[in-house]
Amino acid sequence: MVYVCDVCGWEYDEEKGAPEYGIEPGTKFEDLPDDFVCPICGVDKDSFSEQ
């Protein structure tokens, strides 16, 4: 599943993770920490949409 930041368009792909930000491949979006923010623009998880 891919989630896209509604503000800046950064994409989080669960399969790929985001190793450059310390998120292992296979990490589900709902399993990201509650304090996770978009690494580009800083908005929280509520500002992401499932694609």
N, C-alpha and C. Protein backbone atom coordinates (compact mmCIF):
# COMPACT_ATOMS: atom_id res chain seq x y z
N MET A 1 0.85 -1.18 0.00
CA MET A 1 0.00 0.00 0.00
C MET A 1 0.90 1.25 0.00
N VAL A 2 0.44 2.27 -0.71
CA VAL A 2 1.17 3.53 -0.79
C VAL A 2 0.32 4.64 -0.19
N TYR A 3 0.94 5.47 0.61
CA TYR A 3 0.29 6.62 1.22
C TYR A 3 0.98 7.88 0.73
N VAL A 4 0.19 8.89 0.40
CA VAL A 4 0.74 10.12 -0.17
C VAL A 4 0.39 11.30 0.75
N CYS A 5 1.40 12.12 1.01
CA CYS A 5 1.19 13.33 1.81
C CYS A 5 0.29 14.28 1.01
N ASP A 6 -0.80 14.71 1.62
CA ASP A 6 -1.75 15.61 0.96
C ASP A 6 -1.17 17.00 0.75
N VAL A 7 -0.15 17.34 1.50
CA VAL A 7 0.42 18.69 1.43
C VAL A 7 1.51 18.78 0.36
N CYS A 8 2.49 17.86 0.40
CA CYS A 8 3.64 18.01 -0.51
C CYS A 8 3.78 16.90 -1.54
N GLY A 9 3.02 15.80 -1.38
CA GLY A 9 3.07 14.72 -2.35
C GLY A 9 4.10 13.64 -2.08
N TRP A 10 4.83 13.73 -0.96
CA TRP A 10 5.79 12.68 -0.63
C TRP A 10 5.05 11.36 -0.47
N GLU A 11 5.61 10.29 -1.01
CA GLU A 11 4.96 8.99 -0.97
C GLU A 11 5.66 8.05 0.01
N TYR A 12 4.83 7.36 0.82
CA TYR A 12 5.34 6.30 1.69
C TYR A 12 4.80 4.98 1.16
N ASP A 13 5.71 4.13 0.69
CA ASP A 13 5.37 2.81 0.17
C ASP A 13 5.72 1.80 1.26
N GLU A 14 4.69 1.10 1.78
CA GLU A 14 4.93 0.14 2.87
C GLU A 14 5.94 -0.93 2.47
N GLU A 15 5.91 -1.37 1.24
CA GLU A 15 6.81 -2.41 0.78
C GLU A 15 8.27 -1.95 0.82
N LYS A 16 8.51 -0.71 0.42
CA LYS A 16 9.87 -0.16 0.36
C LYS A 16 10.32 0.45 1.68
N GLY A 17 9.35 0.89 2.52
CA GLY A 17 9.71 1.61 3.73
C GLY A 17 10.35 2.94 3.36
N ALA A 18 11.12 3.46 4.27
CA ALA A 18 11.87 4.70 4.01
C ALA A 18 13.19 4.59 4.77
N PRO A 19 14.07 3.69 4.32
CA PRO A 19 15.32 3.45 5.05
C PRO A 19 16.14 4.70 5.29
N GLU A 20 16.05 5.67 4.37
CA GLU A 20 16.80 6.91 4.55
C GLU A 20 16.29 7.72 5.74
N TYR A 21 15.11 7.35 6.23
CA TYR A 21 14.54 8.01 7.42
C TYR A 21 14.38 7.03 8.58
N GLY A 22 15.06 5.88 8.49
CA GLY A 22 15.06 4.91 9.58
C GLY A 22 13.83 4.02 9.65
N ILE A 23 13.08 3.91 8.55
CA ILE A 23 11.88 3.07 8.52
C ILE A 23 12.16 1.86 7.64
N GLU A 24 12.12 0.69 8.25
CA GLU A 24 12.46 -0.54 7.56
C GLU A 24 11.42 -0.90 6.49
N PRO A 25 11.87 -1.52 5.39
CA PRO A 25 10.92 -2.03 4.39
C PRO A 25 9.92 -2.99 5.04
N GLY A 26 8.68 -2.93 4.58
CA GLY A 26 7.63 -3.79 5.12
C GLY A 26 6.90 -3.20 6.31
N THR A 27 7.28 -2.00 6.75
CA THR A 27 6.61 -1.36 7.89
C THR A 27 5.27 -0.78 7.42
N LYS A 28 4.20 -1.26 8.03
CA LYS A 28 2.85 -0.78 7.70
C LYS A 28 2.70 0.66 8.16
N PHE A 29 1.91 1.42 7.40
CA PHE A 29 1.69 2.83 7.73
C PHE A 29 1.13 2.97 9.14
N GLU A 30 0.17 2.10 9.49
CA GLU A 30 -0.43 2.19 10.83
C GLU A 30 0.55 1.84 11.94
N ASP A 31 1.66 1.19 11.58
CA ASP A 31 2.67 0.84 12.58
C ASP A 31 3.75 1.91 12.74
N LEU A 32 3.69 2.96 11.92
CA LEU A 32 4.63 4.07 12.12
C LEU A 32 4.33 4.71 13.47
N PRO A 33 5.32 5.27 14.13
CA PRO A 33 5.08 5.89 15.44
C PRO A 33 4.02 6.99 15.37
N ASP A 34 3.31 7.19 16.46
CA ASP A 34 2.27 8.22 16.52
C ASP A 34 2.83 9.61 16.24
N ASP A 35 4.11 9.80 16.52
CA ASP A 35 4.71 11.11 16.30
C ASP A 35 5.38 11.23 14.93
N PHE A 36 5.12 10.26 14.05
CA PHE A 36 5.67 10.32 12.69
C PHE A 36 5.16 11.56 11.98
N VAL A 37 6.05 12.24 11.28
CA VAL A 37 5.67 13.39 10.45
C VAL A 37 6.31 13.21 9.07
N CYS A 38 5.71 13.83 8.08
CA CYS A 38 6.26 13.80 6.74
C CYS A 38 7.68 14.35 6.79
N PRO A 39 8.66 13.59 6.25
CA PRO A 39 10.04 14.06 6.31
C PRO A 39 10.31 15.29 5.44
N ILE A 40 9.41 15.60 4.54
CA ILE A 40 9.60 16.74 3.65
C ILE A 40 8.96 18.01 4.22
N CYS A 41 7.68 17.92 4.61
CA CYS A 41 6.98 19.15 5.03
C CYS A 41 6.55 19.17 6.49
N GLY A 42 6.67 18.03 7.21
CA GLY A 42 6.44 18.04 8.64
C GLY A 42 5.02 17.85 9.13
N VAL A 43 4.06 17.53 8.22
CA VAL A 43 2.69 17.30 8.68
C VAL A 43 2.57 15.90 9.28
N ASP A 44 1.53 15.69 10.10
CA ASP A 44 1.39 14.40 10.77
C ASP A 44 0.67 13.38 9.89
N LYS A 45 0.51 12.16 10.45
CA LYS A 45 -0.06 11.03 9.70
C LYS A 45 -1.48 11.30 9.20
N ASP A 46 -2.22 12.16 9.87
CA ASP A 46 -3.59 12.46 9.45
C ASP A 46 -3.64 13.17 8.11
N SER A 47 -2.51 13.69 7.66
CA SER A 47 -2.45 14.42 6.40
C SER A 47 -2.00 13.55 5.23
N PHE A 48 -2.08 12.23 5.39
CA PHE A 48 -1.73 11.29 4.32
C PHE A 48 -2.99 10.60 3.82
N SER A 49 -3.02 10.32 2.52
CA SER A 49 -4.13 9.60 1.91
C SER A 49 -3.63 8.31 1.31
N GLU A 50 -4.44 7.26 1.44
CA GLU A 50 -4.13 5.98 0.85
C GLU A 50 -4.33 6.04 -0.65
N GLN A 51 -3.37 5.50 -1.39
CA GLN A 51 -3.48 5.50 -2.86
C GLN A 51 -3.68 4.11 -3.39
